[in-house]
Amino acid sequence: MRDPAANTNLTLLSNTTITTSNALNVSGTGGVTVSATAAATLDSIAFGSGGLSVTAPASPSRWAGLVGAGAASFTPAAKRDHADQHGNNLTGTVALNNSGANNVALVTSSTLQLATSGVGSGTLGITAAVR
């Protein structure tokens, strides 16, 4: 499913992995929910004020080209969390959650509003614009 109408939510569910290779655009109040029981590789997702929620417990889960004004939440459970590819522009609050001993990395071209997050015992690496 590509380019749903404005103000509509999009949910991607999988009992395995999720990989997006085409641009997904959800505008207005629309949001995107991604839930996989394995890895999620997301590329070029634009979301509205409804936000972005990603749950993908398998490693590696990588996300690039994520653009949106709504809140974003990444929960890879006990695996690596990598929104560390260039092209992310997350202007809403961002929550990073990882209960394992794996590293968490985030790159965004905008200033970062970090929400309450938990990164387990791994390291947290953030690259964001300076205001």
N, C-alpha and C. Protein backbone atom coordinates (compact mmCIF):
# COMPACT_ATOMS: atom_id res chain seq x y z
N MET A 1 0.85 -1.17 0.00
CA MET A 1 0.00 0.00 0.00
C MET A 1 0.89 1.23 0.00
N ARG A 2 0.69 2.12 -0.95
CA ARG A 2 1.51 3.32 -1.06
C ARG A 2 0.64 4.55 -1.09
N ASP A 3 1.15 5.63 -0.50
CA ASP A 3 0.53 6.94 -0.55
C ASP A 3 -0.95 6.94 -0.17
N PRO A 4 -1.27 6.55 1.07
CA PRO A 4 -2.67 6.62 1.49
C PRO A 4 -3.12 8.08 1.56
N ALA A 5 -4.40 8.28 1.65
CA ALA A 5 -4.95 9.63 1.68
C ALA A 5 -4.50 10.39 2.93
N ALA A 6 -4.55 11.70 2.85
CA ALA A 6 -4.19 12.54 3.99
C ALA A 6 -5.10 12.22 5.17
N ASN A 7 -4.57 12.38 6.37
CA ASN A 7 -5.30 12.20 7.62
C ASN A 7 -5.75 10.75 7.85
N THR A 8 -5.09 9.81 7.21
CA THR A 8 -5.40 8.40 7.38
C THR A 8 -4.21 7.71 8.02
N ASN A 9 -4.47 6.77 8.93
CA ASN A 9 -3.39 6.01 9.57
C ASN A 9 -3.03 4.80 8.72
N LEU A 10 -1.77 4.41 8.79
CA LEU A 10 -1.28 3.24 8.07
C LEU A 10 -0.62 2.31 9.07
N THR A 11 -1.01 1.04 9.06
CA THR A 11 -0.43 0.05 9.96
C THR A 11 0.18 -1.08 9.13
N LEU A 12 1.46 -1.39 9.42
CA LEU A 12 2.15 -2.51 8.78
C LEU A 12 2.42 -3.56 9.85
N LEU A 13 1.88 -4.76 9.67
CA LEU A 13 2.04 -5.85 10.63
C LEU A 13 2.65 -7.05 9.93
N SER A 14 3.55 -7.76 10.63
CA SER A 14 4.15 -8.96 10.04
C SER A 14 4.56 -9.93 11.13
N ASN A 15 4.37 -11.21 10.86
CA ASN A 15 4.85 -12.24 11.77
C ASN A 15 6.29 -12.61 11.47
N THR A 16 6.91 -11.88 10.54
CA THR A 16 8.33 -12.06 10.23
C THR A 16 8.97 -10.69 10.14
N THR A 17 9.63 -10.39 9.02
CA THR A 17 10.31 -9.11 8.85
C THR A 17 9.45 -8.15 8.03
N ILE A 18 9.76 -6.86 8.16
CA ILE A 18 9.13 -5.83 7.33
C ILE A 18 10.25 -5.04 6.67
N THR A 19 10.16 -4.90 5.35
CA THR A 19 11.11 -4.08 4.60
C THR A 19 10.32 -3.18 3.67
N THR A 20 10.57 -1.87 3.77
CA THR A 20 9.94 -0.94 2.82
C THR A 20 11.02 -0.45 1.88
N SER A 21 10.75 -0.53 0.60
CA SER A 21 11.72 -0.07 -0.38
C SER A 21 11.14 1.03 -1.27
N ASN A 22 9.85 1.31 -1.13
CA ASN A 22 9.20 2.40 -1.86
C ASN A 22 8.79 3.45 -0.84
N ALA A 23 8.68 4.68 -1.27
CA ALA A 23 8.29 5.76 -0.37
C ALA A 23 6.85 5.56 0.12
N LEU A 24 6.66 5.74 1.42
CA LEU A 24 5.33 5.73 2.02
C LEU A 24 5.07 7.13 2.54
N ASN A 25 3.94 7.72 2.17
CA ASN A 25 3.62 9.08 2.57
C ASN A 25 2.26 9.11 3.24
N VAL A 26 2.24 9.53 4.51
CA VAL A 26 1.02 9.69 5.27
C VAL A 26 1.05 11.12 5.80
N SER A 27 0.14 11.95 5.36
CA SER A 27 0.21 13.38 5.70
C SER A 27 -0.93 13.80 6.62
N GLY A 28 -0.92 15.07 6.97
CA GLY A 28 -1.97 15.61 7.84
C GLY A 28 -1.88 15.03 9.24
N THR A 29 -2.99 14.52 9.73
CA THR A 29 -3.01 13.93 11.08
C THR A 29 -2.69 12.44 11.04
N GLY A 30 -2.35 11.92 9.88
CA GLY A 30 -2.07 10.50 9.74
C GLY A 30 -0.78 10.08 10.42
N GLY A 31 -0.75 8.83 10.87
CA GLY A 31 0.43 8.27 11.50
C GLY A 31 0.71 6.89 10.94
N VAL A 32 1.89 6.36 11.28
CA VAL A 32 2.32 5.05 10.79
C VAL A 32 2.69 4.19 11.99
N THR A 33 2.17 2.97 12.02
CA THR A 33 2.53 1.97 13.03
C THR A 33 3.16 0.79 12.31
N VAL A 34 4.35 0.39 12.76
CA VAL A 34 5.05 -0.75 12.18
C VAL A 34 5.29 -1.74 13.31
N SER A 35 4.83 -2.97 13.12
CA SER A 35 5.01 -4.00 14.14
C SER A 35 5.41 -5.31 13.46
N ALA A 36 6.62 -5.76 13.76
CA ALA A 36 7.13 -7.00 13.19
C ALA A 36 7.64 -7.89 14.32
N THR A 37 7.55 -9.19 14.14
CA THR A 37 8.11 -10.10 15.14
C THR A 37 9.59 -10.34 14.91
N ALA A 38 10.11 -9.84 13.79
CA ALA A 38 11.53 -9.94 13.47
C ALA A 38 12.03 -8.54 13.12
N ALA A 39 12.98 -8.43 12.23
CA ALA A 39 13.61 -7.14 11.90
C ALA A 39 12.70 -6.26 11.05
N ALA A 40 12.92 -4.96 11.14
CA ALA A 40 12.24 -3.99 10.28
C ALA A 40 13.29 -3.11 9.62
N THR A 41 13.28 -3.06 8.31
CA THR A 41 14.16 -2.17 7.56
C THR A 41 13.25 -1.18 6.85
N LEU A 42 13.30 0.07 7.31
CA LEU A 42 12.38 1.09 6.80
C LEU A 42 13.15 2.14 6.05
N ASP A 43 12.64 2.52 4.88
CA ASP A 43 13.29 3.52 4.04
C ASP A 43 12.23 4.44 3.46
N SER A 44 12.43 5.72 3.62
CA SER A 44 11.58 6.75 3.01
C SER A 44 10.13 6.68 3.48
N ILE A 45 9.93 6.96 4.76
CA ILE A 45 8.58 7.05 5.31
C ILE A 45 8.36 8.48 5.79
N ALA A 46 7.34 9.13 5.25
CA ALA A 46 6.93 10.46 5.69
C ALA A 46 5.62 10.30 6.45
N PHE A 47 5.57 10.85 7.67
CA PHE A 47 4.36 10.69 8.48
C PHE A 47 3.90 12.04 9.00
N GLY A 48 2.60 12.11 9.28
CA GLY A 48 1.99 13.35 9.74
C GLY A 48 2.06 13.49 11.25
N SER A 49 1.19 14.33 11.77
CA SER A 49 1.19 14.61 13.20
C SER A 49 0.73 13.41 14.02
N GLY A 50 0.19 12.37 13.37
CA GLY A 50 -0.20 11.15 14.07
C GLY A 50 0.98 10.34 14.55
N GLY A 51 2.18 10.65 14.07
CA GLY A 51 3.40 10.03 14.57
C GLY A 51 3.79 8.73 13.91
N LEU A 52 4.86 8.17 14.44
CA LEU A 52 5.43 6.91 13.95
C LEU A 52 5.75 6.03 15.14
N SER A 53 5.30 4.80 15.11
CA SER A 53 5.60 3.84 16.16
C SER A 53 6.16 2.58 15.51
N VAL A 54 7.39 2.21 15.92
CA VAL A 54 8.05 1.04 15.34
C VAL A 54 8.39 0.06 16.45
N THR A 55 7.92 -1.17 16.32
CA THR A 55 8.28 -2.25 17.23
C THR A 55 8.82 -3.39 16.38
N ALA A 56 10.09 -3.72 16.57
CA ALA A 56 10.74 -4.77 15.79
C ALA A 56 11.84 -5.38 16.64
N PRO A 57 11.58 -6.51 17.28
CA PRO A 57 12.52 -7.06 18.25
C PRO A 57 13.76 -7.75 17.69
N ALA A 58 13.79 -8.04 16.42
CA ALA A 58 14.94 -8.77 15.89
C ALA A 58 16.02 -7.82 15.40
N SER A 59 17.22 -8.28 15.38
CA SER A 59 18.35 -7.47 14.97
C SER A 59 18.84 -7.94 13.60
N PRO A 60 19.30 -7.08 12.75
CA PRO A 60 19.32 -5.63 12.91
C PRO A 60 18.04 -5.00 12.43
N SER A 61 17.62 -3.94 13.07
CA SER A 61 16.51 -3.12 12.61
C SER A 61 17.09 -1.76 12.28
N ARG A 62 16.98 -1.37 11.01
CA ARG A 62 17.57 -0.10 10.56
C ARG A 62 16.48 0.74 9.90
N TRP A 63 16.60 2.06 10.14
CA TRP A 63 15.62 2.98 9.62
C TRP A 63 16.31 4.19 9.03
N ALA A 64 15.91 4.58 7.82
CA ALA A 64 16.51 5.74 7.16
C ALA A 64 15.44 6.47 6.37
N GLY A 65 15.63 7.76 6.17
CA GLY A 65 14.69 8.54 5.39
C GLY A 65 13.35 8.72 6.08
N LEU A 66 13.37 8.76 7.42
CA LEU A 66 12.14 8.95 8.18
C LEU A 66 11.93 10.45 8.38
N VAL A 67 10.78 10.97 7.94
CA VAL A 67 10.51 12.40 8.01
C VAL A 67 9.13 12.59 8.60
N GLY A 68 9.03 13.39 9.67
CA GLY A 68 7.72 13.63 10.23
C GLY A 68 7.72 14.64 11.36
N ALA A 69 6.55 15.22 11.58
CA ALA A 69 6.38 16.23 12.62
C ALA A 69 5.79 15.64 13.89
N GLY A 70 5.20 14.46 13.81
CA GLY A 70 4.61 13.85 14.99
C GLY A 70 5.64 13.13 15.83
N ALA A 71 5.22 12.66 16.99
CA ALA A 71 6.10 11.91 17.88
C ALA A 71 6.53 10.60 17.21
N ALA A 72 7.74 10.16 17.52
CA ALA A 72 8.25 8.90 16.98
C ALA A 72 8.73 8.03 18.13
N SER A 73 8.42 6.74 18.07
CA SER A 73 8.81 5.81 19.11
C SER A 73 9.41 4.56 18.47
N PHE A 74 10.59 4.17 18.95
CA PHE A 74 11.28 2.99 18.43
C PHE A 74 11.51 2.02 19.57
N THR A 75 10.98 0.80 19.43
CA THR A 75 11.10 -0.21 20.47
C THR A 75 11.58 -1.52 19.86
N PRO A 76 12.89 -1.77 19.91
CA PRO A 76 13.40 -3.03 19.37
C PRO A 76 13.56 -4.10 20.44
N ALA A 77 13.03 -3.89 21.64
CA ALA A 77 13.14 -4.84 22.75
C ALA A 77 14.60 -5.04 23.12
N ALA A 78 15.10 -6.25 23.03
CA ALA A 78 16.46 -6.52 23.50
C ALA A 78 17.48 -6.57 22.38
N LYS A 79 17.23 -5.91 21.30
CA LYS A 79 18.14 -5.92 20.16
C LYS A 79 18.61 -4.52 19.83
N ARG A 80 19.47 -4.39 18.82
CA ARG A 80 20.01 -3.09 18.41
C ARG A 80 18.93 -2.20 17.84
N ASP A 81 19.05 -0.93 18.09
CA ASP A 81 18.13 0.08 17.57
C ASP A 81 18.95 1.05 16.75
N HIS A 82 18.72 1.11 15.45
CA HIS A 82 19.54 1.95 14.58
C HIS A 82 18.67 2.81 13.67
N ALA A 83 18.42 4.03 14.09
CA ALA A 83 17.84 5.03 13.18
C ALA A 83 19.01 5.94 12.83
N ASP A 84 20.11 5.30 12.43
CA ASP A 84 21.37 6.03 12.30
C ASP A 84 21.78 6.31 10.87
N GLN A 85 20.87 6.16 9.97
CA GLN A 85 21.18 6.45 8.58
C GLN A 85 20.81 7.90 8.28
N HIS A 86 21.55 8.53 7.38
CA HIS A 86 21.25 9.91 7.02
C HIS A 86 19.92 9.98 6.30
N GLY A 87 19.30 11.14 6.36
CA GLY A 87 18.02 11.34 5.70
C GLY A 87 16.86 11.39 6.68
N ASN A 88 17.10 11.11 7.96
CA ASN A 88 16.04 11.23 8.96
C ASN A 88 15.85 12.70 9.31
N ASN A 89 14.60 13.11 9.46
CA ASN A 89 14.27 14.47 9.88
C ASN A 89 13.06 14.36 10.81
N LEU A 90 13.34 14.09 12.06
CA LEU A 90 12.30 13.86 13.07
C LEU A 90 12.14 15.11 13.90
N THR A 91 11.05 15.87 13.68
CA THR A 91 10.89 17.14 14.36
C THR A 91 10.00 17.05 15.60
N GLY A 92 9.32 15.94 15.80
CA GLY A 92 8.54 15.73 17.01
C GLY A 92 9.40 15.07 18.08
N THR A 93 8.81 14.74 19.21
CA THR A 93 9.56 14.05 20.25
C THR A 93 9.90 12.64 19.78
N VAL A 94 11.04 12.14 20.25
CA VAL A 94 11.51 10.81 19.87
C VAL A 94 11.79 10.00 21.13
N ALA A 95 11.23 8.81 21.21
CA ALA A 95 11.49 7.88 22.32
C ALA A 95 12.23 6.67 21.77
N LEU A 96 13.32 6.30 22.43
CA LEU A 96 14.13 5.13 22.05
C LEU A 96 14.09 4.16 23.22
N ASN A 97 13.68 2.94 22.97
CA ASN A 97 13.56 1.96 24.05
C ASN A 97 14.22 0.65 23.67
N ASN A 98 15.12 0.18 24.54
CA ASN A 98 15.85 -1.06 24.31
C ASN A 98 16.19 -1.64 25.67
N SER A 99 15.77 -2.86 25.93
CA SER A 99 16.01 -3.46 27.24
C SER A 99 17.27 -4.30 27.28
N GLY A 100 17.96 -4.43 26.17
CA GLY A 100 19.12 -5.32 26.11
C GLY A 100 20.44 -4.61 26.30
N ALA A 101 21.51 -5.35 26.07
CA ALA A 101 22.87 -4.83 26.19
C ALA A 101 23.40 -4.38 24.84
N ASN A 102 22.52 -3.94 23.98
CA ASN A 102 22.91 -3.52 22.64
C ASN A 102 22.90 -2.00 22.53
N ASN A 103 23.62 -1.48 21.57
CA ASN A 103 23.74 -0.05 21.38
C ASN A 103 22.52 0.52 20.66
N VAL A 104 22.25 1.80 20.92
CA VAL A 104 21.17 2.53 20.27
C VAL A 104 21.78 3.75 19.60
N ALA A 105 21.43 4.00 18.34
CA ALA A 105 21.97 5.15 17.61
C ALA A 105 20.84 5.84 16.86
N LEU A 106 20.89 7.18 16.85
CA LEU A 106 19.89 7.98 16.14
C LEU A 106 20.59 9.14 15.45
N VAL A 107 20.25 9.35 14.18
CA VAL A 107 20.72 10.51 13.42
C VAL A 107 19.48 11.22 12.89
N THR A 108 19.40 12.52 13.14
CA THR A 108 18.32 13.33 12.58
C THR A 108 18.89 14.68 12.17
N SER A 109 18.39 15.22 11.06
CA SER A 109 18.91 16.50 10.57
C SER A 109 18.28 17.68 11.30
N SER A 110 17.28 17.43 12.12
CA SER A 110 16.63 18.50 12.88
C SER A 110 17.13 18.50 14.32
N THR A 111 16.73 19.52 15.07
CA THR A 111 17.03 19.49 16.51
C THR A 111 16.22 18.36 17.11
N LEU A 112 16.72 17.77 18.19
CA LEU A 112 16.10 16.58 18.76
C LEU A 112 15.37 16.92 20.05
N GLN A 113 14.13 16.44 20.13
CA GLN A 113 13.36 16.50 21.36
C GLN A 113 13.26 15.06 21.87
N LEU A 114 14.16 14.69 22.78
CA LEU A 114 14.21 13.32 23.26
C LEU A 114 13.18 13.12 24.36
N ALA A 115 12.27 12.18 24.16
CA ALA A 115 11.27 11.84 25.16
C ALA A 115 11.88 10.84 26.14
N THR A 116 11.15 10.51 27.19
CA THR A 116 11.61 9.51 28.13
C THR A 116 11.96 8.23 27.38
N SER A 117 13.18 7.76 27.57
CA SER A 117 13.68 6.61 26.83
C SER A 117 14.44 5.69 27.77
N GLY A 118 14.59 4.45 27.38
CA GLY A 118 15.39 3.50 28.14
C GLY A 118 16.23 2.69 27.17
N VAL A 119 17.55 2.72 27.36
CA VAL A 119 18.42 2.04 26.40
C VAL A 119 19.16 0.85 27.00
N GLY A 120 18.71 0.31 28.08
CA GLY A 120 19.37 -0.86 28.65
C GLY A 120 20.79 -0.55 29.06
N SER A 121 21.69 -1.51 28.89
CA SER A 121 23.08 -1.32 29.30
C SER A 121 24.02 -1.03 28.14
N GLY A 122 23.47 -0.84 26.94
CA GLY A 122 24.29 -0.49 25.78
C GLY A 122 24.56 1.00 25.75
N THR A 123 25.23 1.46 24.70
CA THR A 123 25.53 2.88 24.57
C THR A 123 24.43 3.59 23.79
N LEU A 124 24.33 4.90 23.96
CA LEU A 124 23.40 5.73 23.23
C LEU A 124 24.19 6.73 22.41
N GLY A 125 24.03 6.72 21.10
CA GLY A 125 24.70 7.67 20.22
C GLY A 125 23.68 8.49 19.48
N ILE A 126 23.78 9.83 19.58
CA ILE A 126 22.82 10.71 18.93
C ILE A 126 23.56 11.77 18.13
N THR A 127 23.12 11.98 16.89
CA THR A 127 23.60 13.08 16.07
C THR A 127 22.37 13.88 15.65
N ALA A 128 22.36 15.17 16.01
CA ALA A 128 21.22 16.03 15.68
C ALA A 128 21.73 17.44 15.40
N ALA A 129 20.87 18.24 14.79
CA ALA A 129 21.23 19.63 14.52
C ALA A 129 21.29 20.44 15.81
N VAL A 130 22.09 21.48 15.79
CA VAL A 130 22.21 22.37 16.94
C VAL A 130 21.38 23.61 16.65
N ARG A 131 20.60 24.00 17.62
CA ARG A 131 19.75 25.17 17.47
C ARG A 131 20.50 26.42 17.71
